Amino acid sequence: MTKISDSSCELLATLASLETLDLSDTNVSDSGLAKLRKLSSLRRLGLTGTKVTDEAARQLESALPFCEVGDEFRYQCVPPW
């Protein structure tokens, strides 16, 4: 577990151009996840090993229909060239 928690999500929610976020193995719960609803640029969100419920994840998917939310999150590294 990392030190990322629900209170960290307030800061993360200010990153308007954020597209990919892996919160796996953090202390984030439903209340922290709700703070991320305004991230309209978010496209991928990893939640493996968090305290987030399935219902909260579904609610976020409804709020951010272009965001892939899930437990199976894999980094896809794209070279800069």
C-alpha atoms as a PDB file:
ATOM      1  CA  MET A   1       0.000   0.000   0.000  1.00  0.00           C
ATOM      2  CA  THR A   2       1.097   3.520  -0.742  1.00  0.00           C
ATOM      3  CA  LYS A   3       0.238   6.710   1.126  1.00  0.00           C
ATOM      4  CA  ILE A   4      -2.260   7.744  -1.559  1.00  0.00           C
ATOM      5  CA  SER A   5      -5.665   8.126   0.090  1.00  0.00           C
ATOM      6  CA  ASP A   6      -9.029   9.835  -0.329  1.00  0.00           C
ATOM      7  CA  SER A   7      -7.534  13.189   0.600  1.00  0.00           C
ATOM      8  CA  SER A   8      -4.946  12.751  -2.180  1.00  0.00           C
ATOM      9  CA  CYS A   9      -7.794  12.532  -4.679  1.00  0.00           C
ATOM     10  CA  GLU A  10      -8.630  16.201  -4.045  1.00  0.00           C
ATOM     11  CA  LEU A  11      -5.238  17.173  -5.450  1.00  0.00           C
ATOM     12  CA  LEU A  12      -5.436  14.632  -8.275  1.00  0.00           C
ATOM     13  CA  ALA A  13      -8.836  16.064  -9.264  1.00  0.00           C
ATOM     14  CA  THR A  14      -7.160  19.405 -10.061  1.00  0.00           C
ATOM     15  CA  LEU A  15      -5.095  17.792 -12.855  1.00  0.00           C
ATOM     16  CA  ALA A  16      -7.601  18.561 -15.619  1.00  0.00           C
ATOM     17  CA  SER A  17      -5.560  17.031 -18.446  1.00  0.00           C
ATOM     18  CA  LEU A  18      -4.846  13.751 -16.610  1.00  0.00           C
ATOM     19  CA  GLU A  19      -5.581  10.807 -18.924  1.00  0.00           C
ATOM     20  CA  THR A  20      -4.242   7.754 -17.081  1.00  0.00           C
ATOM     21  CA  LEU A  21      -4.227   7.082 -13.361  1.00  0.00           C
ATOM     22  CA  ASP A  22      -3.347   3.882 -11.533  1.00  0.00           C
ATOM     23  CA  LEU A  23      -4.614   3.924  -7.950  1.00  0.00           C
ATOM     24  CA  SER A  24      -3.917   0.216  -7.457  1.00  0.00           C
ATOM     25  CA  ASP A  25      -2.842  -0.836  -3.967  1.00  0.00           C
ATOM     26  CA  THR A  26      -3.757   2.490  -2.377  1.00  0.00           C
ATOM     27  CA  ASN A  27      -6.117   3.429   0.448  1.00  0.00           C
ATOM     28  CA  VAL A  28      -8.582   5.122  -1.890  1.00  0.00           C
ATOM     29  CA  SER A  29     -12.251   4.396  -1.164  1.00  0.00           C
ATOM     30  CA  ASP A  30     -15.598   5.405  -2.638  1.00  0.00           C
ATOM     31  CA  SER A  31     -15.367   8.896  -1.197  1.00  0.00           C
ATOM     32  CA  GLY A  32     -12.002   9.548  -2.850  1.00  0.00           C
ATOM     33  CA  LEU A  33     -13.183   8.125  -6.146  1.00  0.00           C
ATOM     34  CA  ALA A  34     -16.154  10.509  -6.175  1.00  0.00           C
ATOM     35  CA  LYS A  35     -13.717  13.446  -6.153  1.00  0.00           C
ATOM     36  CA  LEU A  36     -12.340  12.310  -9.528  1.00  0.00           C
ATOM     37  CA  ARG A  37     -15.652  12.739 -11.382  1.00  0.00           C
ATOM     38  CA  LYS A  38     -14.634  16.101 -12.814  1.00  0.00           C
ATOM     39  CA  LEU A  39     -11.624  14.610 -14.644  1.00  0.00           C
ATOM     40  CA  SER A  40     -13.272  14.591 -18.070  1.00  0.00           C
ATOM     41  CA  SER A  41      -9.944  13.838 -19.803  1.00  0.00           C
ATOM     42  CA  LEU A  42      -9.422  10.638 -17.809  1.00  0.00           C
ATOM     43  CA  ARG A  43      -9.355   7.588 -20.100  1.00  0.00           C
ATOM     44  CA  ARG A  44      -7.924   4.800 -17.912  1.00  0.00           C
ATOM     45  CA  LEU A  45      -8.229   4.257 -14.172  1.00  0.00           C
ATOM     46  CA  GLY A  46      -6.781   1.282 -12.289  1.00  0.00           C
ATOM     47  CA  LEU A  47      -8.366   0.279  -8.987  1.00  0.00           C
ATOM     48  CA  THR A  48      -6.843  -3.115  -8.092  1.00  0.00           C
ATOM     49  CA  GLY A  49      -6.416  -3.520  -4.352  1.00  0.00           C
ATOM     50  CA  THR A  50      -8.331  -0.385  -3.338  1.00  0.00           C
ATOM     51  CA  LYS A  51     -11.304   0.017  -1.008  1.00  0.00           C
ATOM     52  CA  VAL A  52     -13.521   1.145  -3.900  1.00  0.00           C
ATOM     53  CA  THR A  53     -16.801  -0.768  -4.220  1.00  0.00           C
ATOM     54  CA  ASP A  54     -18.173  -2.046  -7.509  1.00  0.00           C
ATOM     55  CA  GLU A  55     -21.094   0.378  -7.204  1.00  0.00           C
ATOM     56  CA  ALA A  56     -18.791   3.405  -6.858  1.00  0.00           C
ATOM     57  CA  ALA A  57     -16.764   2.232  -9.876  1.00  0.00           C
ATOM     58  CA  ARG A  58     -19.984   1.911 -11.927  1.00  0.00           C
ATOM     59  CA  GLN A  59     -21.051   5.406 -10.872  1.00  0.00           C
ATOM     60  CA  LEU A  60     -17.723   6.819 -12.026  1.00  0.00           C
ATOM     61  CA  GLU A  61     -18.031   4.990 -15.349  1.00  0.00           C
ATOM     62  CA  SER A  62     -21.444   6.615 -15.804  1.00  0.00           C
ATOM     63  CA  ALA A  63     -20.033  10.047 -14.982  1.00  0.00           C
ATOM     64  CA  LEU A  64     -16.983   9.520 -17.238  1.00  0.00           C
ATOM     65  CA  PRO A  65     -18.231   7.371 -20.141  1.00  0.00           C
ATOM     66  CA  PHE A  66     -14.912   7.567 -22.043  1.00  0.00           C
ATOM     67  CA  CYS A  67     -12.913   6.275 -19.070  1.00  0.00           C
ATOM     68  CA  GLU A  68     -12.010   2.598 -18.746  1.00  0.00           C
ATOM     69  CA  VAL A  69     -12.297   1.774 -15.045  1.00  0.00           C
ATOM     70  CA  GLY A  70     -11.188  -1.573 -13.743  1.00  0.00           C
ATOM     71  CA  ASP A  71      -9.112  -3.945 -11.718  1.00  0.00           C
ATOM     72  CA  GLU A  72      -7.106  -5.246 -14.649  1.00  0.00           C
ATOM     73  CA  PHE A  73      -4.865  -2.283 -15.337  1.00  0.00           C
ATOM     74  CA  ARG A  74      -1.713  -2.620 -17.354  1.00  0.00           C
ATOM     75  CA  TYR A  75       0.661   0.133 -18.329  1.00  0.00           C
ATOM     76  CA  GLN A  76       1.032   0.489 -22.047  1.00  0.00           C
ATOM     77  CA  CYS A  77       4.273   2.311 -22.637  1.00  0.00           C
ATOM     78  CA  VAL A  78       4.479   4.173 -25.887  1.00  0.00           C
ATOM     79  CA  PRO A  79       7.926   5.378 -26.948  1.00  0.00           C
ATOM     80  CA  PRO A  80       8.135   9.136 -27.521  1.00  0.00           C
ATOM     81  CA  TRP A  81       9.453   8.696 -31.063  1.00  0.00           C
END
